[in-house]
């Protein structure tokens, strides 16, 4: 039988609700993991989240093209995990590959060129 948290390592699953050091008064729902910083391609960000229960706000885009309803943070910034998101075999498979996928994307000149094009617009 599959045990979702047995051998747990790495990132929290999508849908996890956390409190961070930077904004401890707001609960955040994780919606993404392991990606380049929106302004610095070579800097890895562990998580992207939205406020809980509000979620994504399509009216929160700023002049730089970043939606201010998104909150980015690192794993060590988490103060408390309120609820872990859903975990199944696909999550475990993803966790096995996420750092490899990130490293491959980081070393792909086409992806970096597209990233730089987007942030310079």
PDB file of N, CA and C in Angstrom:
ATOM      1  N   UNK A   1       0.847  -1.187   0.000  1.00  0.00           N
ATOM      2  CA  UNK A   1       0.000   0.000   0.000  1.00  0.00           C
ATOM      3  C   UNK A   1       0.888   1.244   0.000  1.00  0.00           C
ATOM      4  N   UNK A   2       0.469   2.237  -0.756  1.00  0.00           N
ATOM      5  CA  UNK A   2       1.220   3.487  -0.873  1.00  0.00           C
ATOM      6  C   UNK A   2       1.054   4.324   0.385  1.00  0.00           C
ATOM      7  N   UNK A   3       2.172   4.821   0.924  1.00  0.00           N
ATOM      8  CA  UNK A   3       2.153   5.693   2.094  1.00  0.00           C
ATOM      9  C   UNK A   3       2.656   7.065   1.655  1.00  0.00           C
ATOM     10  N   UNK A   4       1.767   8.057   1.511  1.00  0.00           N
ATOM     11  CA  UNK A   4       2.124   9.347   0.926  1.00  0.00           C
ATOM     12  C   UNK A   4       3.322  10.054   1.532  1.00  0.00           C
ATOM     13  N   UNK A   5       3.526   9.992   2.843  1.00  0.00           N
ATOM     14  CA  UNK A   5       4.601  10.769   3.446  1.00  0.00           C
ATOM     15  C   UNK A   5       5.811   9.920   3.818  1.00  0.00           C
ATOM     16  N   UNK A   6       5.765   8.642   3.516  1.00  0.00           N
ATOM     17  CA  UNK A   6       6.916   7.795   3.822  1.00  0.00           C
ATOM     18  C   UNK A   6       8.091   8.206   2.940  1.00  0.00           C
ATOM     19  N   UNK A   7       9.246   8.414   3.539  1.00  0.00           N
ATOM     20  CA  UNK A   7      10.416   8.804   2.767  1.00  0.00           C
ATOM     21  C   UNK A   7      10.337  10.222   2.234  1.00  0.00           C
ATOM     22  N   UNK A   8       9.547  11.060   2.881  1.00  0.00           N
ATOM     23  CA  UNK A   8       9.346  12.429   2.393  1.00  0.00           C
ATOM     24  C   UNK A   8      10.665  13.184   2.324  1.00  0.00           C
ATOM     25  N   UNK A   9      10.865  13.926   1.211  1.00  0.00           N
ATOM     26  CA  UNK A   9      12.044  14.778   1.102  1.00  0.00           C
ATOM     27  C   UNK A   9      11.726  15.932   0.182  1.00  0.00           C
ATOM     28  N   UNK A  10      12.500  16.973   0.273  1.00  0.00           N
ATOM     29  CA  UNK A  10      12.387  18.070  -0.681  1.00  0.00           C
ATOM     30  C   UNK A  10      11.188  18.960  -0.482  1.00  0.00           C
ATOM     31  N   UNK A  11      10.650  19.388  -1.601  1.00  0.00           N
ATOM     32  CA  UNK A  11       9.577  20.379  -1.630  1.00  0.00           C
ATOM     33  C   UNK A  11       8.273  19.889  -1.018  1.00  0.00           C
ATOM     34  N   UNK A  12       7.526  20.848  -0.460  1.00  0.00           N
ATOM     35  CA  UNK A  12       6.161  20.554  -0.045  1.00  0.00           C
ATOM     36  C   UNK A  12       5.298  20.425  -1.296  1.00  0.00           C
ATOM     37  N   UNK A  13       4.240  19.645  -1.239  1.00  0.00           N
ATOM     38  CA  UNK A  13       3.391  19.470  -2.421  1.00  0.00           C
ATOM     39  C   UNK A  13       2.548  20.706  -2.741  1.00  0.00           C
ATOM     40  N   UNK A  14       2.135  20.771  -3.998  1.00  0.00           N
ATOM     41  CA  UNK A  14       1.199  21.800  -4.449  1.00  0.00           C
ATOM     42  C   UNK A  14      -0.034  21.731  -3.546  1.00  0.00           C
ATOM     43  N   UNK A  15      -0.575  22.891  -3.218  1.00  0.00           N
ATOM     44  CA  UNK A  15      -1.761  22.942  -2.368  1.00  0.00           C
ATOM     45  C   UNK A  15      -1.452  23.034  -0.887  1.00  0.00           C
ATOM     46  N   UNK A  16      -0.185  22.897  -0.505  1.00  0.00           N
ATOM     47  CA  UNK A  16       0.173  23.031   0.908  1.00  0.00           C
ATOM     48  C   UNK A  16      -0.085  24.458   1.371  1.00  0.00           C
ATOM     49  N   UNK A  17      -0.551  24.590   2.605  1.00  0.00           N
ATOM     50  CA  UNK A  17      -0.823  25.892   3.200  1.00  0.00           C
ATOM     51  C   UNK A  17       0.258  26.143   4.246  1.00  0.00           C
ATOM     52  N   UNK A  18       0.963  27.284   4.104  1.00  0.00           N
ATOM     53  CA  UNK A  18       2.092  27.586   4.986  1.00  0.00           C
ATOM     54  C   UNK A  18       2.021  29.019   5.499  1.00  0.00           C
ATOM     55  N   UNK A  19       2.818  29.268   6.529  1.00  0.00           N
ATOM     56  CA  UNK A  19       3.055  30.615   7.033  1.00  0.00           C
ATOM     57  C   UNK A  19       4.551  30.847   6.910  1.00  0.00           C
ATOM     58  N   UNK A  20       4.933  32.038   6.404  1.00  0.00           N
ATOM     59  CA  UNK A  20       6.349  32.340   6.207  1.00  0.00           C
ATOM     60  C   UNK A  20       6.831  33.389   7.212  1.00  0.00           C
ATOM     61  N   UNK A  21       8.154  33.481   7.340  1.00  0.00           N
ATOM     62  CA  UNK A  21       8.764  34.464   8.233  1.00  0.00           C
ATOM     63  C   UNK A  21       8.463  35.895   7.789  1.00  0.00           C
ATOM     64  N   UNK A  22       8.458  36.111   6.473  1.00  0.00           N
ATOM     65  CA  UNK A  22       8.305  37.466   5.946  1.00  0.00           C
ATOM     66  C   UNK A  22       6.916  38.051   6.176  1.00  0.00           C
ATOM     67  N   UNK A  23       5.882  37.208   6.018  1.00  0.00           N
ATOM     68  CA  UNK A  23       4.506  37.692   6.223  1.00  0.00           C
ATOM     69  C   UNK A  23       3.732  36.676   7.083  1.00  0.00           C
ATOM     70  N   UNK A  24       4.056  36.617   8.369  1.00  0.00           N
ATOM     71  CA  UNK A  24       3.456  35.591   9.227  1.00  0.00           C
ATOM     72  C   UNK A  24       1.962  35.754   9.475  1.00  0.00           C
ATOM     73  N   UNK A  25       1.422  36.916   9.161  1.00  0.00           N
ATOM     74  CA  UNK A  25      -0.009  37.144   9.383  1.00  0.00           C
ATOM     75  C   UNK A  25      -0.874  36.614   8.241  1.00  0.00           C
ATOM     76  N   UNK A  26      -0.258  36.130   7.167  1.00  0.00           N
ATOM     77  CA  UNK A  26      -1.007  35.669   5.996  1.00  0.00           C
ATOM     78  C   UNK A  26      -0.686  34.209   5.697  1.00  0.00           C
ATOM     79  N   UNK A  27      -1.735  33.413   5.491  1.00  0.00           N
ATOM     80  CA  UNK A  27      -1.542  32.024   5.073  1.00  0.00           C
ATOM     81  C   UNK A  27      -1.357  32.010   3.557  1.00  0.00           C
ATOM     82  N   UNK A  28      -0.457  31.150   3.094  1.00  0.00           N
ATOM     83  CA  UNK A  28      -0.148  31.047   1.665  1.00  0.00           C
ATOM     84  C   UNK A  28      -0.408  29.628   1.170  1.00  0.00           C
ATOM     85  N   UNK A  29      -0.914  29.526  -0.053  1.00  0.00           N
ATOM     86  CA  UNK A  29      -1.143  28.237  -0.697  1.00  0.00           C
ATOM     87  C   UNK A  29      -0.113  28.069  -1.815  1.00  0.00           C
ATOM     88  N   UNK A  30       0.704  27.032  -1.711  1.00  0.00           N
ATOM     89  CA  UNK A  30       1.761  26.783  -2.692  1.00  0.00           C
ATOM     90  C   UNK A  30       1.148  26.344  -4.021  1.00  0.00           C
ATOM     91  N   UNK A  31       1.578  27.036  -5.116  1.00  0.00           N
ATOM     92  CA  UNK A  31       1.074  26.695  -6.447  1.00  0.00           C
ATOM     93  C   UNK A  31       2.181  26.305  -7.423  1.00  0.00           C
ATOM     94  N   UNK A  32       3.449  26.434  -7.012  1.00  0.00           N
ATOM     95  CA  UNK A  32       4.558  26.064  -7.894  1.00  0.00           C
ATOM     96  C   UNK A  32       5.834  25.881  -7.101  1.00  0.00           C
ATOM     97  N   UNK A  33       6.785  25.102  -7.683  1.00  0.00           N
ATOM     98  CA  UNK A  33       8.022  24.782  -6.973  1.00  0.00           C
ATOM     99  C   UNK A  33       9.190  24.674  -7.932  1.00  0.00           C
ATOM    100  N   UNK A  34      10.367  25.082  -7.439  1.00  0.00           N
ATOM    101  CA  UNK A  34      11.617  24.862  -8.147  1.00  0.00           C
ATOM    102  C   UNK A  34      11.713  25.513  -9.513  1.00  0.00           C
ATOM    103  N   UNK A  35      11.837  26.829  -9.565  1.00  0.00           N
ATOM    104  CA  UNK A  35      11.896  27.543 -10.839  1.00  0.00           C
ATOM    105  C   UNK A  35      12.814  28.744 -10.717  1.00  0.00           C
ATOM    106  N   UNK A  36      13.209  29.333 -11.840  1.00  0.00           N
ATOM    107  CA  UNK A  36      14.090  30.508 -11.776  1.00  0.00           C
ATOM    108  C   UNK A  36      13.379  31.718 -11.180  1.00  0.00           C
ATOM    109  N   UNK A  37      14.142  32.537 -10.482  1.00  0.00           N
ATOM    110  CA  UNK A  37      13.636  33.798  -9.955  1.00  0.00           C
ATOM    111  C   UNK A  37      13.107  34.621 -11.123  1.00  0.00           C
ATOM    112  N   UNK A  38      11.999  35.353 -10.952  1.00  0.00           N
ATOM    113  CA  UNK A  38      11.432  36.115 -12.070  1.00  0.00           C
ATOM    114  C   UNK A  38      12.332  37.203 -12.643  1.00  0.00           C
ATOM    115  N   UNK A  39      13.374  37.618 -11.896  1.00  0.00           N
ATOM    116  CA  UNK A  39      14.268  38.654 -12.406  1.00  0.00           C
ATOM    117  C   UNK A  39      15.705  38.176 -12.574  1.00  0.00           C
ATOM    118  N   UNK A  40      16.051  37.055 -11.980  1.00  0.00           N
ATOM    119  CA  UNK A  40      17.421  36.537 -12.047  1.00  0.00           C
ATOM    120  C   UNK A  40      17.383  35.056 -12.423  1.00  0.00           C
ATOM    121  N   UNK A  41      17.652  34.766 -13.687  1.00  0.00           N
ATOM    122  CA  UNK A  41      17.513  33.404 -14.205  1.00  0.00           C
ATOM    123  C   UNK A  41      18.320  32.386 -13.417  1.00  0.00           C
ATOM    124  N   UNK A  42      19.507  32.742 -12.987  1.00  0.00           N
ATOM    125  CA  UNK A  42      20.400  31.795 -12.301  1.00  0.00           C
ATOM    126  C   UNK A  42      20.072  31.597 -10.819  1.00  0.00           C
ATOM    127  N   UNK A  43      19.087  32.324 -10.301  1.00  0.00           N
ATOM    128  CA  UNK A  43      18.702  32.176  -8.899  1.00  0.00           C
ATOM    129  C   UNK A  43      17.455  31.295  -8.814  1.00  0.00           C
ATOM    130  N   UNK A  44      17.569  30.216  -8.077  1.00  0.00           N
ATOM    131  CA  UNK A  44      16.451  29.276  -7.946  1.00  0.00           C
ATOM    132  C   UNK A  44      15.512  29.712  -6.821  1.00  0.00           C
ATOM    133  N   UNK A  45      14.226  29.648  -7.100  1.00  0.00           N
ATOM    134  CA  UNK A  45      13.189  29.920  -6.109  1.00  0.00           C
ATOM    135  C   UNK A  45      12.527  28.588  -5.769  1.00  0.00           C
ATOM    136  N   UNK A  46      12.363  28.326  -4.478  1.00  0.00           N
ATOM    137  CA  UNK A  46      11.749  27.064  -4.069  1.00  0.00           C
ATOM    138  C   UNK A  46      10.246  27.046  -4.298  1.00  0.00           C
ATOM    139  N   UNK A  47       9.561  28.144  -3.953  1.00  0.00           N
ATOM    140  CA  UNK A  47       8.091  28.130  -4.004  1.00  0.00           C
ATOM    141  C   UNK A  47       7.520  29.419  -4.569  1.00  0.00           C
ATOM    142  N   UNK A  48       6.356  29.256  -5.214  1.00  0.00           N
ATOM    143  CA  UNK A  48       5.495  30.389  -5.541  1.00  0.00           C
ATOM    144  C   UNK A  48       4.136  30.047  -4.937  1.00  0.00           C
ATOM    145  N   UNK A  49       3.516  31.057  -4.340  1.00  0.00           N
ATOM    146  CA  UNK A  49       2.246  30.820  -3.648  1.00  0.00           C
ATOM    147  C   UNK A  49       1.319  32.009  -3.857  1.00  0.00           C
ATOM    148  N   UNK A  50       0.071  31.813  -3.469  1.00  0.00           N
ATOM    149  CA  UNK A  50      -0.921  32.890  -3.444  1.00  0.00           C
ATOM    150  C   UNK A  50      -1.521  32.929  -2.043  1.00  0.00           C
ATOM    151  N   UNK A  51      -2.075  34.077  -1.703  1.00  0.00           N
ATOM    152  CA  UNK A  51      -2.716  34.219  -0.391  1.00  0.00           C
ATOM    153  C   UNK A  51      -3.876  33.224  -0.292  1.00  0.00           C
ATOM    154  N   UNK A  52      -4.034  32.687   0.904  1.00  0.00           N
ATOM    155  CA  UNK A  52      -5.150  31.793   1.169  1.00  0.00           C
ATOM    156  C   UNK A  52      -6.093  32.490   2.143  1.00  0.00           C
ATOM    157  N   UNK A  53      -7.384  32.547   1.869  1.00  0.00           N
ATOM    158  CA  UNK A  53      -8.137  31.853   0.836  1.00  0.00           C
ATOM    159  C   UNK A  53      -8.361  32.650  -0.448  1.00  0.00           C
ATOM    160  N   UNK A  54      -7.800  33.861  -0.551  1.00  0.00           N
ATOM    161  CA  UNK A  54      -8.089  34.733  -1.688  1.00  0.00           C
ATOM    162  C   UNK A  54      -7.670  34.141  -3.032  1.00  0.00           C
ATOM    163  N   UNK A  55      -6.472  33.576  -3.109  1.00  0.00           N
ATOM    164  CA  UNK A  55      -5.983  33.002  -4.358  1.00  0.00           C
ATOM    165  C   UNK A  55      -5.465  34.051  -5.333  1.00  0.00           C
ATOM    166  N   UNK A  56      -5.422  33.697  -6.592  1.00  0.00           N
ATOM    167  CA  UNK A  56      -4.890  34.533  -7.668  1.00  0.00           C
ATOM    168  C   UNK A  56      -5.786  35.745  -7.906  1.00  0.00           C
ATOM    169  N   UNK A  57      -5.166  36.916  -8.123  1.00  0.00           N
ATOM    170  CA  UNK A  57      -5.888  38.152  -8.426  1.00  0.00           C
ATOM    171  C   UNK A  57      -5.434  38.654  -9.782  1.00  0.00           C
ATOM    172  N   UNK A  58      -6.288  38.534 -10.788  1.00  0.00           N
ATOM    173  CA  UNK A  58      -5.924  38.935 -12.148  1.00  0.00           C
ATOM    174  C   UNK A  58      -5.759  40.447 -12.293  1.00  0.00           C
ATOM    175  N   UNK A  59      -6.196  41.215 -11.302  1.00  0.00           N
ATOM    176  CA  UNK A  59      -6.054  42.674 -11.351  1.00  0.00           C
ATOM    177  C   UNK A  59      -4.777  43.160 -10.670  1.00  0.00           C
ATOM    178  N   UNK A  60      -3.890  42.260 -10.286  1.00  0.00           N
ATOM    179  CA  UNK A  60      -2.715  42.646  -9.495  1.00  0.00           C
ATOM    180  C   UNK A  60      -1.418  42.698 -10.309  1.00  0.00           C
ATOM    181  N   UNK A  61      -1.491  42.871 -11.622  1.00  0.00           N
ATOM    182  CA  UNK A  61      -0.277  42.953 -12.447  1.00  0.00           C
ATOM    183  C   UNK A  61       0.375  44.316 -12.268  1.00  0.00           C
ATOM    184  N   UNK A  62       1.701  44.337 -12.110  1.00  0.00           N
ATOM    185  CA  UNK A  62       2.407  45.607 -11.973  1.00  0.00           C
ATOM    186  C   UNK A  62       3.076  45.994 -13.293  1.00  0.00           C
ATOM    187  N   UNK A  63       3.773  47.135 -13.303  1.00  0.00           N
ATOM    188  CA  UNK A  63       4.404  47.643 -14.531  1.00  0.00           C
ATOM    189  C   UNK A  63       5.499  46.713 -15.053  1.00  0.00           C
ATOM    190  N   UNK A  64       6.079  45.920 -14.170  1.00  0.00           N
ATOM    191  CA  UNK A  64       7.166  45.018 -14.566  1.00  0.00           C
ATOM    192  C   UNK A  64       6.654  43.680 -15.115  1.00  0.00           C
ATOM    193  N   UNK A  65       5.343  43.525 -15.171  1.00  0.00           N
ATOM    194  CA  UNK A  65       4.771  42.292 -15.713  1.00  0.00           C
ATOM    195  C   UNK A  65       4.700  41.156 -14.715  1.00  0.00           C
ATOM    196  N   UNK A  66       4.787  41.470 -13.428  1.00  0.00           N
ATOM    197  CA  UNK A  66       4.695  40.451 -12.387  1.00  0.00           C
ATOM    198  C   UNK A  66       3.398  40.649 -11.627  1.00  0.00           C
ATOM    199  N   UNK A  67       2.706  39.566 -11.375  1.00  0.00           N
ATOM    200  CA  UNK A  67       1.451  39.652 -10.644  1.00  0.00           C
ATOM    201  C   UNK A  67       1.747  39.698  -9.149  1.00  0.00           C
ATOM    202  N   UNK A  68       1.321  40.757  -8.498  1.00  0.00           N
ATOM    203  CA  UNK A  68       1.633  40.963  -7.087  1.00  0.00           C
ATOM    204  C   UNK A  68       0.838  40.059  -6.153  1.00  0.00           C
ATOM    205  N   UNK A  69      -0.091  39.274  -6.690  1.00  0.00           N
ATOM    206  CA  UNK A  69      -0.768  38.304  -5.825  1.00  0.00           C
ATOM    207  C   UNK A  69       0.109  37.073  -5.611  1.00  0.00           C
ATOM    208  N   UNK A  70       1.196  36.942  -6.386  1.00  0.00           N
ATOM    209  CA  UNK A  70       2.140  35.848  -6.192  1.00  0.00           C
ATOM    210  C   UNK A  70       3.147  36.214  -5.108  1.00  0.00           C
ATOM    211  N   UNK A  71       3.485  35.246  -4.289  1.00  0.00           N
ATOM    212  CA  UNK A  71       4.512  35.405  -3.265  1.00  0.00           C
ATOM    213  C   UNK A  71       5.561  34.333  -3.532  1.00  0.00           C
ATOM    214  N   UNK A  72       6.825  34.742  -3.638  1.00  0.00           N
ATOM    215  CA  UNK A  72       7.901  33.774  -3.848  1.00  0.00           C
ATOM    216  C   UNK A  72       8.749  33.698  -2.580  1.00  0.00           C
ATOM    217  N   UNK A  73       9.182  32.469  -2.259  1.00  0.00           N
ATOM    218  CA  UNK A  73       9.967  32.286  -1.040  1.00  0.00           C
ATOM    219  C   UNK A  73      10.747  30.980  -1.106  1.00  0.00           C
ATOM    220  N   UNK A  74      11.698  30.867  -0.189  1.00  0.00           N
ATOM    221  CA  UNK A  74      12.542  29.686  -0.101  1.00  0.00           C
ATOM    222  C   UNK A  74      12.019  28.773   1.017  1.00  0.00           C
ATOM    223  N   UNK A  75      12.425  27.507   0.951  1.00  0.00           N
ATOM    224  CA  UNK A  75      11.962  26.537   1.939  1.00  0.00           C
ATOM    225  C   UNK A  75      12.297  26.979   3.365  1.00  0.00           C
ATOM    226  N   UNK A  76      13.491  27.545   3.546  1.00  0.00           N
ATOM    227  CA  UNK A  76      13.901  27.947   4.898  1.00  0.00           C
ATOM    228  C   UNK A  76      13.103  29.133   5.438  1.00  0.00           C
ATOM    229  N   UNK A  77      12.300  29.785   4.586  1.00  0.00           N
ATOM    230  CA  UNK A  77      11.469  30.903   5.023  1.00  0.00           C
ATOM    231  C   UNK A  77      10.150  30.447   5.649  1.00  0.00           C
ATOM    232  N   UNK A  78       9.868  29.153   5.596  1.00  0.00           N
ATOM    233  CA  UNK A  78       8.608  28.634   6.125  1.00  0.00           C
ATOM    234  C   UNK A  78       8.694  28.542   7.651  1.00  0.00           C
ATOM    235  N   UNK A  79       7.737  29.194   8.318  1.00  0.00           N
ATOM    236  CA  UNK A  79       7.643  29.126   9.780  1.00  0.00           C
ATOM    237  C   UNK A  79       6.814  27.928  10.219  1.00  0.00           C
ATOM    238  N   UNK A  80       5.714  27.695   9.496  1.00  0.00           N
ATOM    239  CA  UNK A  80       4.776  26.667   9.915  1.00  0.00           C
ATOM    240  C   UNK A  80       4.053  26.093   8.693  1.00  0.00           C
ATOM    241  N   UNK A  81       3.851  24.796   8.705  1.00  0.00           N
ATOM    242  CA  UNK A  81       3.045  24.137   7.673  1.00  0.00           C
ATOM    243  C   UNK A  81       1.683  23.865   8.293  1.00  0.00           C
ATOM    244  N   UNK A  82       0.664  24.550   7.794  1.00  0.00           N
ATOM    245  CA  UNK A  82      -0.694  24.391   8.301  1.00  0.00           C
ATOM    246  C   UNK A  82      -1.304  23.094   7.774  1.00  0.00           C
ATOM    247  N   UNK A  83      -1.113  22.843   6.474  1.00  0.00           N
ATOM    248  CA  UNK A  83      -1.679  21.659   5.822  1.00  0.00           C
ATOM    249  C   UNK A  83      -0.798  21.262   4.651  1.00  0.00           C
ATOM    250  N   UNK A  84      -0.428  20.000   4.581  1.00  0.00           N
ATOM    251  CA  UNK A  84       0.311  19.513   3.415  1.00  0.00           C
ATOM    252  C   UNK A  84      -0.670  19.211   2.303  1.00  0.00           C
ATOM    253  N   UNK A  85      -0.247  19.527   1.070  1.00  0.00           N
ATOM    254  CA  UNK A  85      -1.065  19.253  -0.099  1.00  0.00           C
ATOM    255  C   UNK A  85      -1.118  17.762  -0.410  1.00  0.00           C
ATOM    256  N   UNK A  86      -1.891  17.425  -1.424  1.00  0.00           N
ATOM    257  CA  UNK A  86      -2.101  16.034  -1.843  1.00  0.00           C
ATOM    258  C   UNK A  86      -0.795  15.412  -2.336  1.00  0.00           C
ATOM    259  N   UNK A  87      -0.548  14.180  -1.931  1.00  0.00           N
ATOM    260  CA  UNK A  87       0.653  13.449  -2.322  1.00  0.00           C
ATOM    261  C   UNK A  87       0.254  12.071  -2.836  1.00  0.00           C
ATOM    262  N   UNK A  88       0.768  11.719  -4.012  1.00  0.00           N
ATOM    263  CA  UNK A  88       0.589  10.364  -4.530  1.00  0.00           C
ATOM    264  C   UNK A  88       1.886   9.937  -5.211  1.00  0.00           C
ATOM    265  N   UNK A  89       1.864   8.844  -5.962  1.00  0.00           N
ATOM    266  CA  UNK A  89       3.084   8.344  -6.597  1.00  0.00           C
ATOM    267  C   UNK A  89       3.655   9.346  -7.592  1.00  0.00           C
ATOM    268  N   UNK A  90       2.802  10.121  -8.275  1.00  0.00           N
ATOM    269  CA  UNK A  90       3.307  11.116  -9.235  1.00  0.00           C
ATOM    270  C   UNK A  90       4.096  12.216  -8.528  1.00  0.00           C
ATOM    271  N   UNK A  91       3.650  12.580  -7.341  1.00  0.00           N
ATOM    272  CA  UNK A  91       4.378  13.582  -6.556  1.00  0.00           C
ATOM    273  C   UNK A  91       5.769  13.063  -6.205  1.00  0.00           C
ATOM    274  N   UNK A  92       5.844  11.820  -5.762  1.00  0.00           N
ATOM    275  CA  UNK A  92       7.148  11.243  -5.428  1.00  0.00           C
ATOM    276  C   UNK A  92       8.054  11.181  -6.658  1.00  0.00           C
ATOM    277  N   UNK A  93       7.490  10.819  -7.810  1.00  0.00           N
ATOM    278  CA  UNK A  93       8.274  10.797  -9.051  1.00  0.00           C
ATOM    279  C   UNK A  93       8.757  12.200  -9.409  1.00  0.00           C
ATOM    280  N   UNK A  94       7.892  13.186  -9.243  1.00  0.00           N
ATOM    281  CA  UNK A  94       8.275  14.568  -9.524  1.00  0.00           C
ATOM    282  C   UNK A  94       9.431  14.997  -8.613  1.00  0.00           C
ATOM    283  N   UNK A  95       9.327  14.692  -7.332  1.00  0.00           N
ATOM    284  CA  UNK A  95      10.376  15.080  -6.386  1.00  0.00           C
ATOM    285  C   UNK A  95      11.721  14.455  -6.739  1.00  0.00           C
ATOM    286  N   UNK A  96      11.678  13.270  -7.324  1.00  0.00           N
ATOM    287  CA  UNK A  96      12.921  12.617  -7.737  1.00  0.00           C
ATOM    288  C   UNK A  96      13.570  13.364  -8.906  1.00  0.00           C
ATOM    289  N   UNK A  97      12.764  14.064  -9.723  1.00  0.00           N
ATOM    290  CA  UNK A  97      13.253  14.691 -10.950  1.00  0.00           C
ATOM    291  C   UNK A  97      13.351  16.210 -10.913  1.00  0.00           C
ATOM    292  N   UNK A  98      12.760  16.869  -9.921  1.00  0.00           N
ATOM    293  CA  UNK A  98      12.627  18.325  -9.965  1.00  0.00           C
ATOM    294  C   UNK A  98      13.977  19.035 -10.056  1.00  0.00           C
ATOM    295  N   UNK A  99      14.956  18.617  -9.286  1.00  0.00           N
ATOM    296  CA  UNK A  99      16.253  19.289  -9.337  1.00  0.00           C
ATOM    297  C   UNK A  99      16.954  19.030 -10.669  1.00  0.00           C
ATOM    298  N   UNK A 100      16.777  17.834 -11.220  1.00  0.00           N
ATOM    299  CA  UNK A 100      17.344  17.511 -12.534  1.00  0.00           C
ATOM    300  C   UNK A 100      16.693  18.374 -13.620  1.00  0.00           C
ATOM    301  N   UNK A 101      15.387  18.517 -13.558  1.00  0.00           N
ATOM    302  CA  UNK A 101      14.655  19.339 -14.535  1.00  0.00           C
ATOM    303  C   UNK A 101      15.111  20.796 -14.437  1.00  0.00           C
ATOM    304  N   UNK A 102      15.215  21.296 -13.212  1.00  0.00           N
ATOM    305  CA  UNK A 102      15.655  22.673 -13.016  1.00  0.00           C
ATOM    306  C   UNK A 102      17.065  22.878 -13.568  1.00  0.00           C
ATOM    307  N   UNK A 103      17.970  21.953 -13.252  1.00  0.00           N
ATOM    308  CA  UNK A 103      19.356  22.068 -13.721  1.00  0.00           C
ATOM    309  C   UNK A 103      19.417  22.011 -15.248  1.00  0.00           C
ATOM    310  N   UNK A 104      18.624  21.146 -15.864  1.00  0.00           N
ATOM    311  CA  UNK A 104      18.606  21.051 -17.325  1.00  0.00           C
ATOM    312  C   UNK A 104      18.105  22.356 -17.932  1.00  0.00           C
ATOM    313  N   UNK A 105      17.033  22.907 -17.380  1.00  0.00           N
ATOM    314  CA  UNK A 105      16.500  24.174 -17.887  1.00  0.00           C
ATOM    315  C   UNK A 105      17.496  25.314 -17.679  1.00  0.00           C
ATOM    316  N   UNK A 106      18.188  25.299 -16.550  1.00  0.00           N
ATOM    317  CA  UNK A 106      19.162  26.336 -16.233  1.00  0.00           C
ATOM    318  C   UNK A 106      20.313  26.350 -17.230  1.00  0.00           C
ATOM    319  N   UNK A 107      20.633  25.207 -17.780  1.00  0.00           N
ATOM    320  CA  UNK A 107      21.750  25.093 -18.722  1.00  0.00           C
ATOM    321  C   UNK A 107      21.306  25.096 -20.184  1.00  0.00           C
ATOM    322  N   UNK A 108      20.055  25.432 -20.423  1.00  0.00           N
ATOM    323  CA  UNK A 108      19.534  25.468 -21.786  1.00  0.00           C
ATOM    324  C   UNK A 108      19.586  26.915 -22.282  1.00  0.00           C
ATOM    325  N   UNK A 109      20.469  27.224 -23.244  1.00  0.00           N
ATOM    326  CA  UNK A 109      20.610  28.616 -23.703  1.00  0.00           C
ATOM    327  C   UNK A 109      19.332  29.179 -24.332  1.00  0.00           C
ATOM    328  N   UNK A 110      18.507  28.337 -24.953  1.00  0.00           N
ATOM    329  CA  UNK A 110      17.255  28.822 -25.550  1.00  0.00           C
ATOM    330  C   UNK A 110      16.277  29.279 -24.474  1.00  0.00           C
ATOM    331  N   UNK A 111      16.186  28.503 -23.397  1.00  0.00           N
ATOM    332  CA  UNK A 111      15.292  28.880 -22.302  1.00  0.00           C
ATOM    333  C   UNK A 111      15.785  30.162 -21.643  1.00  0.00           C
ATOM    334  N   UNK A 112      17.091  30.265 -21.439  1.00  0.00           N
ATOM    335  CA  UNK A 112      17.640  31.482 -20.828  1.00  0.00           C
ATOM    336  C   UNK A 112      17.426  32.691 -21.733  1.00  0.00           C
ATOM    337  N   UNK A 113      17.588  32.519 -23.037  1.00  0.00           N
ATOM    338  CA  UNK A 113      17.379  33.627 -23.981  1.00  0.00           C
ATOM    339  C   UNK A 113      15.923  34.087 -23.952  1.00  0.00           C
ATOM    340  N   UNK A 114      14.992  33.144 -23.915  1.00  0.00           N
ATOM    341  CA  UNK A 114      13.572  33.487 -23.851  1.00  0.00           C
ATOM    342  C   UNK A 114      13.263  34.217 -22.544  1.00  0.00           C
ATOM    343  N   UNK A 115      13.844  33.754 -21.449  1.00  0.00           N
ATOM    344  CA  UNK A 115      13.676  34.394 -20.144  1.00  0.00           C
ATOM    345  C   UNK A 115      14.173  35.837 -20.203  1.00  0.00           C
ATOM    346  N   UNK A 116      15.383  36.041 -20.722  1.00  0.00           N
ATOM    347  CA  UNK A 116      15.963  37.381 -20.794  1.00  0.00           C
ATOM    348  C   UNK A 116      15.151  38.300 -21.712  1.00  0.00           C
ATOM    349  N   UNK A 117      14.614  37.739 -22.784  1.00  0.00           N
ATOM    350  CA  UNK A 117      13.772  38.515 -23.685  1.00  0.00           C
ATOM    351  C   UNK A 117      12.509  39.001 -22.952  1.00  0.00           C
ATOM    352  N   UNK A 118      11.890  38.094 -22.187  1.00  0.00           N
ATOM    353  CA  UNK A 118      10.678  38.435 -21.461  1.00  0.00           C
ATOM    354  C   UNK A 118      10.902  39.535 -20.427  1.00  0.00           C
ATOM    355  N   UNK A 119      12.004  39.451 -19.675  1.00  0.00           N
ATOM    356  CA  UNK A 119      12.205  40.452 -18.617  1.00  0.00           C
ATOM    357  C   UNK A 119      12.706  41.787 -19.162  1.00  0.00           C
ATOM    358  N   UNK A 120      13.200  41.810 -20.396  1.00  0.00           N
ATOM    359  CA  UNK A 120      13.664  43.075 -20.965  1.00  0.00           C
ATOM    360  C   UNK A 120      12.552  43.835 -21.676  1.00  0.00           C
ATOM    361  N   UNK A 121      11.418  43.208 -21.869  1.00  0.00           N
ATOM    362  CA  UNK A 121      10.307  43.860 -22.567  1.00  0.00           C
ATOM    363  C   UNK A 121       9.600  44.863 -21.703  1.00  0.00           C
TER     364      UNK A 121
END
